[in-house]
Amino acid sequence: MKHLWLTALVLLIVQACGSNSNQFNIEGELKNASGETLYLMELTTNGTNKLDSVKVGQDGQFTFSGYTKVAKFLLVQTEPRNSLTLVVEPGDDIALTGDITNLGKNYKVEGSEGSRQIMKLRKRLERTISSLDSLGKIYRENQGKQGMEDLRNRLNKESRKIVDQQKQYTKDFIDRNLNSLSSLMALYQQIGPRSYVLNPRDNFRYFEKVDSALMANYPNSEPVKSLHSQIEKMRQQNKDNEAKNARVAIGKKAPEISLPTPQGDTLQLSDLRGNYVLLDFWASWCKPCRVENPNLVKAYQRFGNKDFEIFQVSLDKKRQAWLNAIEKDNLDWYHASDLEFWNSEAAQTYNIKSIPANFLLNKKGVIIAKDLRGDDLQAKLNEIFSN
């Protein structure tokens, strides 16, 4: 009987230890926080879920406790715009210090390496955004002044340099922290609304690297499983895009286009066979397109009498905006559009993902070059018509 009692006691102790191993604690001391309410939120693929809330003591101290069987992203916040992000794993004892007036600025975290890496990542991104804001301020303060064109070019060059440095920092960060959930956070940094440091189209290799490492280390984590699902979809999309791009690759015969003209007639791309044709995708609302249009005018003035034509397909939605842009930019060549925006049949056929975009066709309708702009277009046409 004594032996059975000892066995039961051992089982209870083991069970209790197993339960405690899933507990986490977050303790902290914040300046300017006496009597304020802090919230502990779980960051999920669908938003945030409230887990707990506490009133901060007069000494600025607070404590959160909870249980988790898998690593999670948790937020400590007063409201959505005043928060900091933690990676919390089973058994973590995390210590925070900072100022409640701006939780994400100059805080310190101990007891969670993933959380420390997110802190570093956030501070580096904030410096980048601050540098870009400073350049924007210089631009605004000098609008309308003499030498503005040169200043704008210098500011654009400096902005690209700053963004490129942030991209490289992020790639290096991911390589150093592949086995940490902080690498997942690095994938989705934003410099501005809808402006990501890394994007799946250009940096898919890094998305795959993070997915592979985290699925091996955190297969039951909801954010990791969500990333894995996205990666699978991206792979299929990439395969589809590769197939579509192969149909409009250099050396391929350009697919037919049949669209309404401004006059209401139907124009086909094959109607211009026997000429070198620049098939150009643009829109009245696209600023880079409007900037490029003077280069097209220059090319057409120079080569338009030498078996060279331009067929511009607009991704506009509003007919009058399209027509006004044609007149304002002096675009005296062939135009067509179904006014279906990105759903344009021609844009789908040519797998257009951004504009301006163009394809240069020879007299037989075969694609011989793509995305020629500015001096590159002039040089290519000069090469063709000098022979």
Protein backbone atom coordinates (compact mmCIF):
# COMPACT_ATOMS: atom_id res chain seq x y z
CA MET A 1 0.00 0.00 0.00
CA LYS A 2 2.86 2.37 0.89
CA HIS A 3 4.47 1.60 -2.49
CA LEU A 4 1.24 2.48 -4.37
CA TRP A 5 0.91 5.76 -2.43
CA LEU A 6 4.48 6.79 -3.35
CA THR A 7 3.85 5.93 -7.01
CA ALA A 8 0.72 8.11 -7.08
CA LEU A 9 2.63 10.97 -5.43
CA VAL A 10 5.39 10.75 -8.03
CA LEU A 11 2.81 10.83 -10.85
CA LEU A 12 1.20 13.94 -9.36
CA ILE A 13 4.57 15.68 -9.14
CA VAL A 14 5.44 14.78 -12.74
CA GLN A 15 2.06 16.01 -13.97
CA ALA A 16 2.44 19.26 -12.03
CA CYS A 17 5.93 19.84 -13.45
CA GLY A 18 4.64 19.12 -16.95
CA SER A 19 1.87 21.66 -16.50
CA ASN A 20 4.22 24.36 -15.17
CA SER A 21 6.60 23.86 -18.08
CA ASN A 22 3.95 25.45 -20.29
CA GLN A 23 3.59 28.52 -18.12
CA PHE A 24 5.06 31.85 -19.14
CA ASN A 25 5.52 35.01 -17.13
CA ILE A 26 5.94 38.58 -18.33
CA GLU A 27 7.05 41.05 -15.68
CA GLY A 28 7.97 44.65 -16.20
CA GLU A 29 8.54 48.11 -14.90
CA LEU A 30 7.36 51.08 -16.96
CA LYS A 31 7.84 54.79 -16.48
CA ASN A 32 4.77 57.09 -16.39
CA ALA A 33 2.53 54.06 -15.96
CA SER A 34 1.05 54.31 -12.48
CA GLY A 35 -2.62 53.30 -12.59
CA GLU A 36 -2.61 52.76 -16.36
CA THR A 37 -4.15 49.66 -17.93
CA LEU A 38 -2.00 47.28 -19.96
CA TYR A 39 -3.41 44.61 -22.26
CA LEU A 40 -1.87 41.31 -23.30
CA MET A 41 -2.99 40.39 -26.82
CA GLU A 42 -2.25 37.40 -29.00
CA LEU A 43 -1.28 38.31 -32.56
CA THR A 44 -3.01 35.83 -34.88
CA THR A 45 -3.42 35.43 -38.62
CA ASN A 46 -6.88 37.00 -38.31
CA GLY A 47 -6.00 39.94 -36.06
CA THR A 48 -5.59 40.06 -32.28
CA ASN A 49 -7.24 38.31 -29.34
CA LYS A 50 -7.30 39.76 -25.84
CA LEU A 51 -5.74 37.38 -23.31
CA ASP A 52 -5.47 39.50 -20.17
CA SER A 53 -5.31 43.01 -18.75
CA VAL A 54 -3.71 44.50 -15.62
CA LYS A 55 -3.55 47.83 -13.85
CA VAL A 56 0.01 49.00 -13.42
CA GLY A 57 1.03 49.59 -9.81
CA GLN A 58 2.20 52.90 -8.37
CA ASP A 59 5.77 51.68 -8.73
CA GLY A 60 5.22 51.10 -12.45
CA GLN A 61 5.39 47.34 -12.11
CA PHE A 62 3.09 44.78 -13.72
CA THR A 63 2.87 41.02 -14.24
CA PHE A 64 1.19 38.80 -16.82
CA SER A 65 1.06 35.01 -16.54
CA GLY A 66 -0.36 32.41 -18.84
CA TYR A 67 0.05 29.03 -20.47
CA THR A 68 1.01 28.02 -23.98
CA LYS A 69 2.13 24.78 -25.59
CA VAL A 70 3.55 26.50 -28.68
CA ALA A 71 5.52 29.65 -29.42
CA LYS A 72 3.29 32.69 -30.03
CA PHE A 73 3.45 36.35 -30.92
CA LEU A 74 2.03 38.40 -28.04
CA LEU A 75 1.51 42.15 -27.82
CA VAL A 76 1.81 44.27 -24.71
CA GLN A 77 -0.17 47.43 -25.38
CA THR A 78 -2.29 50.27 -24.11
CA GLU A 79 -3.99 50.57 -27.52
CA PRO A 80 -3.13 49.26 -31.04
CA ARG A 81 -0.84 52.19 -31.88
CA ASN A 82 1.10 51.90 -28.64
CA SER A 83 2.41 48.36 -28.40
CA LEU A 84 5.45 46.13 -28.49
CA THR A 85 5.74 42.60 -29.85
CA LEU A 86 7.08 39.57 -28.00
CA VAL A 87 7.85 36.01 -29.00
CA VAL A 88 6.62 33.92 -26.08
CA GLU A 89 7.51 30.25 -25.73
CA PRO A 90 6.51 27.70 -23.08
CA GLY A 91 8.44 28.31 -19.88
CA ASP A 92 9.60 31.84 -20.73
CA ASP A 93 10.23 34.35 -17.94
CA ILE A 94 10.36 37.70 -19.69
CA ALA A 95 11.37 41.03 -18.16
CA LEU A 96 10.41 44.35 -19.75
CA THR A 97 11.43 47.92 -19.05
CA GLY A 98 10.41 51.06 -20.92
CA ASP A 99 8.07 54.04 -20.98
CA ILE A 100 4.33 53.55 -21.30
CA THR A 101 3.93 56.77 -23.33
CA ASN A 102 5.70 55.01 -26.22
CA LEU A 103 6.03 51.29 -25.56
CA GLY A 104 7.83 50.51 -28.79
CA LYS A 105 10.56 53.14 -28.35
CA ASN A 106 13.71 52.47 -26.34
CA TYR A 107 12.28 49.51 -24.46
CA LYS A 108 14.42 46.61 -23.26
CA VAL A 109 13.52 42.94 -23.02
CA GLU A 110 15.28 40.04 -21.34
CA GLY A 111 14.44 36.34 -21.06
CA SER A 112 13.37 35.84 -24.69
CA GLU A 113 15.92 35.84 -27.47
CA GLY A 114 13.20 36.00 -30.15
CA SER A 115 11.72 39.09 -28.47
CA ARG A 116 15.16 40.72 -28.27
CA GLN A 117 15.66 40.17 -31.99
CA ILE A 118 12.26 41.70 -32.78
CA MET A 119 13.27 44.70 -30.65
CA LYS A 120 16.46 45.13 -32.73
CA LEU A 121 14.52 44.71 -35.95
CA ARG A 122 11.95 47.30 -34.94
CA LYS A 123 14.56 49.88 -33.91
CA ARG A 124 16.45 49.47 -37.18
CA LEU A 125 13.25 49.94 -39.18
CA GLU A 126 12.32 53.03 -37.17
CA ARG A 127 15.69 54.61 -38.04
CA THR A 128 15.08 53.90 -41.71
CA ILE A 129 11.59 55.42 -41.64
CA SER A 130 12.94 58.47 -39.78
CA SER A 131 15.63 58.97 -42.45
CA LEU A 132 13.05 58.74 -45.24
CA ASP A 133 10.76 61.19 -43.42
CA SER A 134 13.66 63.66 -43.19
CA LEU A 135 14.18 63.47 -46.95
CA GLY A 136 10.46 63.99 -47.48
CA LYS A 137 10.57 67.09 -45.29
CA ILE A 138 13.44 68.52 -47.36
CA TYR A 139 11.43 67.93 -50.52
CA ARG A 140 8.32 69.63 -49.15
CA GLU A 141 10.28 72.63 -47.86
CA ASN A 142 11.90 73.22 -51.26
CA GLN A 143 8.92 72.75 -53.57
CA GLY A 144 8.73 75.51 -56.16
CA LYS A 145 12.28 76.70 -55.56
CA GLN A 146 15.01 76.96 -58.17
CA GLY A 147 16.98 73.76 -58.77
CA MET A 148 14.09 71.58 -57.64
CA GLU A 149 14.63 69.02 -60.43
CA ASP A 150 18.23 68.35 -59.34
CA LEU A 151 17.18 68.23 -55.69
CA ARG A 152 14.40 65.74 -56.43
CA ASN A 153 16.84 63.48 -58.29
CA ARG A 154 19.30 63.59 -55.39
CA LEU A 155 16.57 62.88 -52.85
CA ASN A 156 15.23 59.97 -54.92
CA LYS A 157 18.73 58.52 -55.18
CA GLU A 158 19.27 58.84 -51.44
CA SER A 159 15.85 57.32 -50.71
CA ARG A 160 16.62 54.29 -52.87
CA LYS A 161 19.95 53.89 -51.09
CA ILE A 162 18.28 53.96 -47.66
CA VAL A 163 15.62 51.43 -48.71
CA ASP A 164 18.24 49.14 -50.28
CA GLN A 165 20.25 49.23 -47.05
CA GLN A 166 17.14 48.26 -45.07
CA LYS A 167 16.49 45.39 -47.47
CA GLN A 168 20.03 44.10 -47.08
CA TYR A 169 19.85 44.43 -43.30
CA THR A 170 16.60 42.44 -43.32
CA LYS A 171 18.07 39.68 -45.49
CA ASP A 172 21.12 39.44 -43.22
CA PHE A 173 18.83 39.42 -40.18
CA ILE A 174 16.85 36.50 -41.59
CA ASP A 175 20.02 34.54 -42.36
CA ARG A 176 21.23 35.06 -38.77
CA ASN A 177 17.86 34.17 -37.18
CA LEU A 178 16.38 31.51 -39.44
CA ASN A 179 15.35 29.28 -36.53
CA SER A 180 13.60 32.11 -34.66
CA LEU A 181 10.04 33.37 -35.05
CA SER A 182 11.60 36.81 -35.34
CA SER A 183 12.55 35.89 -38.92
CA LEU A 184 8.85 35.60 -39.74
CA MET A 185 8.28 39.09 -38.41
CA ALA A 186 11.16 40.32 -40.61
CA LEU A 187 9.34 39.14 -43.74
CA TYR A 188 6.46 41.55 -43.19
CA GLN A 189 8.13 44.82 -42.25
CA GLN A 190 6.51 47.89 -43.80
CA ILE A 191 8.14 51.20 -44.65
CA GLY A 192 4.74 52.71 -45.38
CA PRO A 193 1.17 51.66 -46.22
CA ARG A 194 1.39 48.70 -48.61
CA SER A 195 5.13 49.28 -48.94
CA TYR A 196 7.00 46.21 -47.71
CA VAL A 197 10.76 45.98 -47.25
CA LEU A 198 10.72 42.53 -48.87
CA ASN A 199 8.11 41.30 -51.31
CA PRO A 200 7.44 37.71 -52.40
CA ARG A 201 7.87 38.51 -56.09
CA ASP A 202 11.48 39.73 -55.80
CA ASN A 203 12.56 37.99 -52.60
CA PHE A 204 10.72 34.68 -52.71
CA ARG A 205 13.90 32.78 -51.78
CA TYR A 206 13.85 34.39 -48.33
CA PHE A 207 10.19 33.53 -47.81
CA GLU A 208 11.01 29.92 -48.66
CA LYS A 209 14.02 29.86 -46.32
CA VAL A 210 11.98 31.12 -43.38
CA ASP A 211 9.14 28.72 -44.16
CA SER A 212 11.44 25.71 -44.32
CA ALA A 213 13.30 26.53 -41.09
CA LEU A 214 10.24 27.44 -39.02
CA MET A 215 8.17 24.46 -40.15
CA ALA A 216 11.00 22.26 -38.87
CA ASN A 217 11.16 24.07 -35.52
CA TYR A 218 7.57 25.23 -34.92
CA PRO A 219 5.27 22.90 -36.92
CA ASN A 220 2.32 23.53 -34.57
CA SER A 221 2.57 27.33 -34.50
CA GLU A 222 -0.46 28.97 -36.13
CA PRO A 223 1.56 31.85 -37.67
CA VAL A 224 4.08 29.34 -39.06
CA LYS A 225 1.35 27.13 -40.51
CA SER A 226 -0.25 30.21 -42.05
CA LEU A 227 3.06 31.21 -43.64
CA HIS A 228 3.51 27.68 -44.98
CA SER A 229 0.06 27.80 -46.57
CA GLN A 230 0.90 31.15 -48.19
CA ILE A 231 4.20 29.80 -49.50
CA GLU A 232 2.43 26.85 -51.13
CA LYS A 233 0.03 29.22 -52.85
CA MET A 234 2.93 31.45 -53.93
CA ARG A 235 4.74 28.49 -55.45
CA GLN A 236 1.68 27.63 -57.51
CA GLN A 237 1.25 31.26 -58.54
CA ASN A 238 4.91 31.41 -59.54
CA LYS A 239 4.47 28.31 -61.69
CA ASP A 240 1.43 29.86 -63.33
CA ASN A 241 3.29 33.15 -63.89
CA GLU A 242 6.26 31.32 -65.40
CA ALA A 243 3.92 29.58 -67.82
CA LYS A 244 2.23 32.88 -68.75
CA ASN A 245 5.55 34.68 -69.13
CA ALA A 246 6.83 31.88 -71.35
CA ARG A 247 4.02 32.66 -73.80
CA VAL A 248 5.20 36.28 -74.13
CA ALA A 249 8.95 35.69 -73.92
CA ILE A 250 11.44 37.16 -76.37
CA GLY A 251 11.38 35.03 -79.50
CA LYS A 252 7.69 34.15 -79.16
CA LYS A 253 4.99 35.36 -81.52
CA ALA A 254 2.97 38.07 -79.77
CA PRO A 255 -0.54 36.88 -78.83
CA GLU A 256 -3.37 38.60 -80.63
CA ILE A 257 -5.10 41.60 -79.07
CA SER A 258 -8.53 42.81 -80.15
CA LEU A 259 -9.85 45.90 -78.34
CA PRO A 260 -12.07 48.97 -78.87
CA THR A 261 -10.42 52.20 -80.04
CA PRO A 262 -11.37 55.69 -78.81
CA GLN A 263 -13.53 56.00 -81.95
CA GLY A 264 -15.44 52.82 -81.07
CA ASP A 265 -13.88 50.62 -83.76
CA THR A 266 -12.12 47.34 -83.04
CA LEU A 267 -8.35 47.28 -83.46
CA GLN A 268 -6.30 44.12 -83.64
CA LEU A 269 -2.58 43.91 -83.00
CA SER A 270 -2.19 41.91 -86.20
CA ASP A 271 -3.58 44.88 -88.16
CA LEU A 272 -0.15 46.49 -87.74
CA ARG A 273 1.78 43.50 -89.08
CA GLY A 274 4.54 44.57 -91.47
CA ASN A 275 5.77 47.26 -89.03
CA TYR A 276 7.97 47.20 -86.00
CA VAL A 277 5.42 47.70 -83.22
CA LEU A 278 5.89 48.89 -79.66
CA LEU A 279 3.03 47.34 -77.67
CA ASP A 280 2.84 49.60 -74.62
CA PHE A 281 0.65 49.13 -71.52
CA TRP A 282 -0.15 52.31 -69.57
CA ALA A 283 -2.95 54.31 -67.90
CA SER A 284 -3.85 57.95 -67.36
CA TRP A 285 -3.61 57.46 -63.56
CA CYS A 286 -0.11 55.93 -63.74
CA LYS A 287 2.47 58.65 -62.98
CA PRO A 288 5.50 56.65 -64.21
CA CYS A 289 3.61 56.03 -67.45
CA ARG A 290 2.94 59.73 -67.93
CA VAL A 291 6.61 60.49 -67.24
CA GLU A 292 7.61 57.94 -69.89
CA ASN A 293 5.16 59.19 -72.54
CA PRO A 294 7.45 62.06 -73.73
CA ASN A 295 10.10 59.43 -74.52
CA LEU A 296 7.56 57.57 -76.66
CA VAL A 297 6.66 60.82 -78.44
CA LYS A 298 10.33 61.45 -79.15
CA ALA A 299 10.80 57.92 -80.51
CA TYR A 300 7.70 58.16 -82.70
CA GLN A 301 8.72 61.52 -84.11
CA ARG A 302 12.08 60.06 -85.06
CA PHE A 303 11.08 56.62 -86.35
CA GLY A 304 7.36 56.88 -87.11
CA ASN A 305 8.05 57.27 -90.84
CA LYS A 306 10.27 54.17 -90.91
CA ASP A 307 7.81 51.30 -90.49
CA PHE A 308 7.51 51.89 -86.75
CA GLU A 309 4.17 52.04 -84.94
CA ILE A 310 3.02 52.28 -81.34
CA PHE A 311 -0.01 50.36 -80.07
CA GLN A 312 -0.90 51.64 -76.60
CA VAL A 313 -3.25 49.61 -74.41
CA SER A 314 -4.71 51.58 -71.51
CA LEU A 315 -5.67 50.04 -68.18
CA ASP A 316 -7.99 52.95 -67.43
CA LYS A 317 -11.45 52.60 -65.94
CA LYS A 318 -12.85 55.94 -67.07
CA ARG A 319 -13.11 56.69 -70.76
CA GLN A 320 -12.83 60.46 -70.46
CA ALA A 321 -9.70 60.29 -68.30
CA TRP A 322 -8.13 58.04 -70.94
CA LEU A 323 -9.05 60.39 -73.80
CA ASN A 324 -7.90 63.48 -71.91
CA ALA A 325 -4.49 61.91 -71.23
CA ILE A 326 -4.06 60.99 -74.91
CA GLU A 327 -4.72 64.58 -75.92
CA LYS A 328 -2.67 66.21 -73.16
CA ASP A 329 0.39 64.02 -73.74
CA ASN A 330 0.16 64.33 -77.57
CA LEU A 331 0.01 60.59 -78.13
CA ASP A 332 -0.57 60.52 -81.88
CA TRP A 333 -0.64 56.78 -82.58
CA TYR A 334 -2.86 53.71 -82.15
CA HIS A 335 -4.86 53.36 -78.92
CA ALA A 336 -7.21 50.73 -77.54
CA SER A 337 -8.81 49.78 -74.23
CA ASP A 338 -11.69 47.78 -72.80
CA LEU A 339 -11.61 50.06 -69.71
CA GLU A 340 -11.40 47.06 -67.41
CA PHE A 341 -8.48 48.28 -65.28
CA TRP A 342 -6.22 45.36 -64.22
CA ASN A 343 -8.87 42.93 -65.47
CA SER A 344 -8.18 44.01 -69.05
CA GLU A 345 -8.16 40.96 -71.29
CA ALA A 346 -4.96 42.14 -72.96
CA ALA A 347 -3.24 42.70 -69.62
CA GLN A 348 -4.20 39.19 -68.54
CA THR A 349 -2.92 37.72 -71.81
CA TYR A 350 0.45 39.45 -71.45
CA ASN A 351 0.61 38.82 -67.67
CA ILE A 352 0.98 42.51 -66.86
CA LYS A 353 1.64 43.01 -63.13
CA SER A 354 2.86 46.61 -63.21
CA ILE A 355 2.93 49.52 -65.65
CA PRO A 356 4.46 50.97 -67.71
CA ALA A 357 5.32 47.76 -69.54
CA ASN A 358 6.05 47.21 -73.22
CA PHE A 359 6.99 44.68 -75.86
CA LEU A 360 8.80 45.43 -79.13
CA LEU A 361 7.63 43.32 -82.05
CA ASN A 362 9.35 42.79 -85.39
CA LYS A 363 7.54 42.96 -88.72
CA LYS A 364 6.40 39.35 -88.36
CA GLY A 365 4.85 39.98 -84.96
CA VAL A 366 7.62 38.25 -82.98
CA ILE A 367 8.69 39.74 -79.64
CA ILE A 368 12.30 40.94 -79.92
CA ALA A 369 12.63 43.08 -76.75
CA LYS A 370 10.73 43.95 -73.56
CA ASP A 371 10.42 46.93 -71.22
CA LEU A 372 12.46 49.41 -73.26
CA ARG A 373 12.32 52.87 -71.74
CA GLY A 374 14.01 56.22 -72.28
CA ASP A 375 17.41 55.95 -73.94
CA ASP A 376 17.14 52.16 -74.16
CA LEU A 377 14.17 52.44 -76.53
CA GLN A 378 15.93 55.06 -78.65
CA ALA A 379 19.07 52.91 -78.85
CA LYS A 380 17.18 49.75 -79.84
CA LEU A 381 15.22 51.53 -82.57
CA ASN A 382 18.37 53.23 -83.83
CA GLU A 383 20.03 49.81 -84.05
CA ILE A 384 17.10 48.41 -86.01
CA PHE A 385 16.72 51.22 -88.50
CA SER A 386 20.43 51.85 -89.01
CA ASN A 387 20.90 48.41 -90.58
